[in-house]
Protein backbone atom coordinates (compact mmCIF):
# COMPACT_ATOMS: atom_id res chain seq x y z
CA MET A 1 -54.52 -63.57 -55.70
CA ASN A 2 -56.04 -61.93 -52.68
CA ASN A 3 -54.21 -64.34 -50.41
CA HIS A 4 -50.88 -63.38 -52.05
CA LEU A 5 -51.60 -59.68 -51.50
CA LYS A 6 -52.51 -60.27 -47.88
CA GLY A 7 -49.29 -62.18 -47.32
CA PHE A 8 -47.21 -59.47 -48.97
CA ALA A 9 -48.84 -56.78 -46.82
CA ALA A 10 -48.20 -58.75 -43.66
CA ALA A 11 -44.52 -59.14 -44.61
CA ILE A 12 -44.14 -55.37 -45.14
CA ALA A 13 -45.80 -54.66 -41.78
CA LEU A 14 -43.49 -57.07 -40.01
CA ALA A 15 -40.40 -55.48 -41.65
CA LEU A 16 -41.49 -51.98 -40.64
CA ALA A 17 -42.03 -53.08 -37.04
CA SER A 18 -38.59 -54.67 -36.89
CA THR A 19 -36.97 -51.55 -38.36
CA SER A 20 -38.68 -49.28 -35.77
CA SER A 21 -37.54 -51.57 -32.93
CA MET A 22 -33.91 -51.49 -34.18
CA ALA A 23 -34.04 -47.67 -34.53
CA ALA A 24 -35.29 -47.30 -30.95
CA ASP A 25 -32.36 -49.40 -29.68
CA LEU A 26 -29.84 -47.20 -31.57
CA SER A 27 -30.25 -44.07 -29.35
CA ALA A 28 -28.34 -40.92 -30.25
CA PRO A 29 -25.16 -40.17 -28.17
CA SER A 30 -25.72 -37.80 -25.22
CA PHE A 31 -24.20 -34.28 -25.31
CA SER A 32 -22.08 -34.94 -22.22
CA SER A 33 -20.44 -38.01 -23.81
CA ILE A 34 -18.81 -35.91 -26.53
CA LEU A 35 -17.41 -33.28 -24.12
CA PRO A 36 -13.69 -33.34 -23.14
CA PRO A 37 -12.97 -35.57 -20.10
CA ALA A 38 -12.04 -32.54 -17.94
CA VAL A 39 -15.51 -31.06 -18.48
CA GLN A 40 -17.60 -34.24 -18.23
CA GLY A 41 -17.04 -34.44 -14.45
CA LEU A 42 -18.53 -30.98 -13.69
CA LYS A 43 -21.99 -31.23 -12.30
CA PRO A 44 -24.59 -28.78 -13.67
CA GLY A 45 -26.20 -26.63 -10.97
CA PHE A 46 -23.28 -26.58 -8.52
CA VAL A 47 -24.33 -26.81 -4.83
CA TRP A 48 -22.30 -24.83 -2.27
CA THR A 49 -23.51 -26.79 0.78
CA GLY A 50 -20.66 -28.58 2.53
CA ALA A 51 -17.53 -28.27 4.63
CA TYR A 52 -14.20 -26.93 3.31
CA VAL A 53 -10.58 -26.24 4.36
CA GLY A 54 -7.95 -24.20 2.59
CA GLY A 55 -5.14 -21.67 2.65
CA ASN A 56 -4.62 -18.03 1.68
CA VAL A 57 -1.92 -15.41 1.02
CA GLY A 58 -2.15 -11.67 0.62
CA LEU A 59 -1.29 -8.18 1.81
CA ALA A 60 -2.12 -6.37 5.07
CA TYR A 61 -1.91 -2.56 4.93
CA GLY A 62 -3.05 0.59 6.67
CA GLU A 63 -1.84 3.42 8.89
CA ARG A 64 -0.13 3.01 12.27
CA GLN A 65 -1.17 5.76 14.71
CA GLY A 66 0.46 6.25 18.07
CA HIS A 67 -0.09 8.75 20.92
CA PHE A 68 2.70 9.39 23.40
CA GLY A 69 2.77 11.98 26.15
CA SER A 70 1.90 13.13 29.63
CA ASP A 71 -1.07 15.03 31.00
CA THR A 72 1.34 16.69 33.46
CA VAL A 73 4.66 18.04 32.28
CA VAL A 74 7.07 16.03 34.44
CA SER A 75 10.20 16.22 32.31
CA GLU A 76 11.83 18.26 29.59
CA LEU A 77 10.05 16.27 26.86
CA GLY A 78 6.55 16.61 28.34
CA GLY A 79 3.41 17.00 26.25
CA TRP A 80 1.78 14.80 23.64
CA VAL A 81 3.16 13.65 20.29
CA ARG A 82 1.31 11.58 17.70
CA PRO A 83 3.68 9.64 15.42
CA LYS A 84 2.05 7.86 12.47
CA ASP A 85 3.09 6.12 9.30
CA ASP A 86 1.72 3.83 6.58
CA PHE A 87 2.48 0.12 6.65
CA GLN A 88 2.09 -2.88 4.36
CA THR A 89 3.16 -6.45 5.03
CA PHE A 90 2.73 -10.08 3.95
CA ILE A 91 -0.10 -12.08 5.49
CA GLY A 92 -0.77 -15.80 5.03
CA GLY A 93 -2.64 -18.55 6.78
CA ALA A 94 -5.37 -21.18 6.71
CA GLN A 95 -9.18 -21.25 6.91
CA ALA A 96 -12.02 -23.75 7.40
CA GLY A 97 -15.79 -23.41 7.27
CA TYR A 98 -19.16 -24.72 6.28
CA ASN A 99 -21.81 -23.44 3.81
CA TRP A 100 -25.57 -24.00 3.59
CA GLN A 101 -27.36 -23.24 0.32
CA THR A 102 -31.08 -22.64 -0.13
CA GLY A 103 -32.08 -21.52 -3.62
CA LEU A 104 -29.79 -18.72 -4.71
CA PHE A 105 -28.80 -17.82 -1.15
CA VAL A 106 -25.74 -19.22 0.65
CA PHE A 107 -25.14 -18.89 4.40
CA GLY A 108 -21.90 -19.95 6.04
CA VAL A 109 -19.46 -19.68 8.91
CA GLU A 110 -15.69 -19.47 8.56
CA GLY A 111 -12.72 -19.34 10.88
CA ASP A 112 -9.14 -18.44 9.91
CA ILE A 113 -5.75 -17.83 11.47
CA SER A 114 -2.95 -15.85 9.75
CA TYR A 115 0.67 -14.90 10.35
CA LEU A 116 1.82 -11.32 9.66
CA ASP A 117 5.36 -10.19 8.99
CA ASP A 118 4.45 -6.98 10.73
CA VAL A 119 6.83 -4.86 12.83
CA LYS A 120 6.43 -1.08 12.52
CA ALA A 121 8.41 1.46 14.51
CA LEU A 122 7.03 5.01 14.55
CA ASN A 123 9.76 7.55 15.24
CA MET A 124 9.15 11.23 15.93
CA PRO A 125 11.83 13.82 16.77
CA ARG A 126 10.89 16.01 19.69
CA THR A 127 12.35 19.38 20.63
CA VAL A 128 11.22 21.49 23.57
CA GLU A 129 12.53 24.99 24.30
CA GLY A 130 12.46 25.87 28.00
CA ALA A 131 13.36 29.10 29.79
CA THR A 132 16.84 27.83 30.67
CA TYR A 133 17.25 24.67 28.54
CA THR A 134 16.69 22.99 25.16
CA ALA A 135 15.64 19.35 25.08
CA ASN A 136 16.15 17.21 21.96
CA GLY A 137 14.95 13.66 21.77
CA THR A 138 13.21 10.95 19.74
CA VAL A 139 9.99 9.29 20.71
CA THR A 140 9.73 5.74 19.35
CA VAL A 141 6.44 3.83 19.38
CA LEU A 142 6.68 0.28 18.02
CA ASN A 143 3.40 -1.45 17.18
CA SER A 144 3.35 -5.05 15.91
CA LEU A 145 0.55 -7.50 15.12
CA GLU A 146 2.15 -10.98 15.18
CA TRP A 147 -0.90 -12.99 14.13
CA LEU A 148 -4.57 -12.35 13.33
CA GLY A 149 -7.57 -14.66 13.59
CA THR A 150 -11.25 -14.24 12.78
CA VAL A 151 -14.51 -16.15 13.21
CA ARG A 152 -17.05 -14.73 10.74
CA GLY A 153 -20.44 -15.36 9.18
CA ARG A 154 -20.78 -15.27 5.40
CA VAL A 155 -24.00 -14.41 3.51
CA GLY A 156 -24.28 -14.15 -0.24
CA VAL A 157 -25.83 -15.13 -3.55
CA ALA A 158 -24.68 -17.94 -5.80
CA ALA A 159 -25.11 -18.11 -9.56
CA ASP A 160 -24.20 -21.74 -10.19
CA ARG A 161 -20.41 -21.85 -9.68
CA PHE A 162 -19.98 -18.15 -8.86
CA PHE A 163 -20.57 -16.92 -5.27
CA VAL A 164 -20.57 -13.30 -4.03
CA TYR A 165 -20.75 -12.64 -0.31
CA GLY A 166 -20.45 -10.20 2.57
CA THR A 167 -18.79 -11.26 5.82
CA GLY A 168 -18.35 -10.06 9.41
CA GLY A 169 -17.63 -11.25 12.93
CA LEU A 170 -15.07 -11.56 15.69
CA ALA A 171 -11.39 -10.73 15.22
CA PHE A 172 -8.49 -11.40 17.62
CA GLY A 173 -4.76 -11.04 17.50
CA ASP A 174 -1.42 -10.85 19.35
CA VAL A 175 -0.48 -7.17 19.64
CA GLN A 176 3.03 -6.27 20.77
CA ASN A 177 3.82 -2.63 21.68
CA ARG A 178 6.99 -0.87 22.76
CA ALA A 179 7.67 2.80 23.50
CA SER A 180 10.80 4.67 24.43
CA VAL A 181 12.32 8.14 24.65
CA GLU A 182 15.99 8.99 24.21
CA GLY A 183 17.58 12.41 24.02
CA THR A 184 19.67 15.17 25.58
CA VAL A 185 19.14 18.38 27.50
CA THR A 186 21.32 21.40 26.86
CA THR A 187 21.55 23.90 29.75
CA ARG A 188 23.88 26.92 29.42
CA GLY A 189 25.96 25.02 26.86
CA VAL A 190 26.23 21.85 28.93
CA VAL A 191 24.76 18.74 27.24
CA THR A 192 23.32 16.09 29.54
CA PRO A 193 21.76 12.75 28.39
CA LEU A 194 18.15 12.21 29.40
CA GLU A 195 17.43 9.23 31.55
CA PRO A 196 15.98 6.55 29.21
CA ILE A 197 12.21 6.09 29.37
CA SER A 198 10.63 2.84 28.09
CA GLY A 199 7.70 0.49 28.50
CA ASN A 200 5.60 -2.09 26.72
CA GLY A 201 2.02 -3.27 26.44
CA ASP A 202 1.92 -6.79 24.90
CA GLU A 203 -1.51 -8.41 24.87
CA THR A 204 -3.99 -10.55 22.96
CA ARG A 205 -6.77 -8.21 21.83
CA THR A 206 -10.25 -8.83 20.43
CA GLY A 207 -12.34 -6.74 18.10
CA TYR A 208 -14.21 -7.17 14.84
CA ALA A 209 -13.65 -7.77 11.13
CA VAL A 210 -15.96 -6.94 8.18
CA GLY A 211 -15.54 -7.34 4.44
CA ALA A 212 -16.64 -8.95 1.20
CA GLY A 213 -15.47 -11.46 -1.33
CA THR A 214 -16.07 -13.64 -4.36
CA GLU A 215 -15.56 -17.37 -4.79
CA TYR A 216 -15.64 -19.63 -7.87
CA ALA A 217 -15.89 -23.42 -8.09
CA ILE A 218 -13.01 -24.48 -10.31
CA THR A 219 -13.95 -28.16 -10.04
CA ASN A 220 -16.54 -30.03 -7.98
CA ASN A 221 -14.14 -30.03 -5.00
CA LEU A 222 -11.78 -27.05 -5.55
CA THR A 223 -12.80 -23.42 -5.20
CA GLY A 224 -10.80 -20.22 -5.47
CA LYS A 225 -11.61 -16.99 -3.64
CA PHE A 226 -10.63 -13.32 -3.45
CA GLU A 227 -11.43 -11.42 -0.23
CA TYR A 228 -11.15 -8.01 1.43
CA LEU A 229 -11.32 -7.53 5.24
CA TYR A 230 -11.09 -4.52 7.54
CA TYR A 231 -10.07 -5.40 11.09
CA ASN A 232 -10.22 -3.31 14.25
CA LEU A 233 -8.67 -4.58 17.49
CA GLY A 234 -9.24 -1.36 19.40
CA THR A 235 -6.61 0.80 21.10
CA SER A 236 -3.74 -0.49 23.24
CA LYS A 237 -3.02 1.68 26.31
CA TYR A 238 0.03 1.37 28.56
CA ASP A 239 2.34 3.51 30.70
CA VAL A 240 6.08 4.10 30.38
CA GLY A 241 8.63 5.75 32.63
CA ALA A 242 12.19 5.75 33.87
CA ALA A 243 13.38 2.69 35.81
CA GLY A 244 12.24 2.75 39.42
CA GLU A 245 10.04 5.81 38.93
CA VAL A 246 6.32 6.40 38.58
CA ALA A 247 5.22 5.88 34.99
CA ASP A 248 4.23 9.42 34.13
CA TYR A 249 4.03 8.92 30.37
CA HIS A 250 1.18 7.18 28.61
CA VAL A 251 1.00 5.48 25.22
CA ARG A 252 -1.98 4.70 23.01
CA SER A 253 -1.64 2.68 19.79
CA ASP A 254 -4.47 2.06 17.33
CA ASN A 255 -4.68 -1.54 16.07
CA THR A 256 -6.54 -1.37 12.75
CA GLY A 257 -5.78 -2.43 9.19
CA ASN A 258 -6.93 -3.88 5.87
CA VAL A 259 -6.38 -7.28 4.33
CA VAL A 260 -6.57 -8.23 0.65
CA ARG A 261 -5.97 -11.91 -0.03
CA ALA A 262 -6.54 -14.80 -2.40
CA GLY A 263 -7.11 -18.41 -1.39
CA LEU A 264 -8.01 -21.97 -2.40
CA ASN A 265 -10.51 -24.23 -0.65
CA PHE A 266 -11.04 -28.00 -0.85
CA LYS A 267 -14.77 -28.76 -0.47
CA TRP A 268 -16.47 -32.01 0.26
């Protein structure tokens, strides 16, 4: 009888051991395996370190400010005028850069080049009453930024896939300027056209750009960003005058503006 009990107990123990072994082999499905395929590929704890390239589109806007005049009154339209007007225009281009992440902090460098559909003519009527004459004319100052580039540092904080940053660095662009004066002089009822006065000051200028932005990792390789920049390329200065004469008039044009843009980056 005792031998039968011992055999029965041994059989039960063997069955329990086999059941435990089978249960261990039947592991529960992981959480990631039941997620939709589009979500399964997203890595937890996104890392921003790496190179990227991309494109952007947006709006450039600001105020054009010109200064036109002469320190010595050498003609009927002497003196200084300051035409100004608001502007806004399309901007679009490409960017490339590299990020380094340590903990929550992300450091990076980015370069970009953009085209602007930007031609702004500032017109200001000008009337001067002299002792024996009346001069009527229009001063036109055309200021155009054909393209804009920047090389900037980026510093910010990342919360997994969300990145907030400040940025600043070198800005450079192709500035094209034109200035002209057209008008008439009336003396004792006789109207005489003024001799046309014109000039230009085209140049590639450098300055600075500062701003801030946000970026979000849509997938492991695609990020979207929204960015604001203020750029300042300084003041263009050039002389204008009648053909064959000393350029007695001087022009100054401020080259500043704001950029709001959105972009996509491919990261690897």
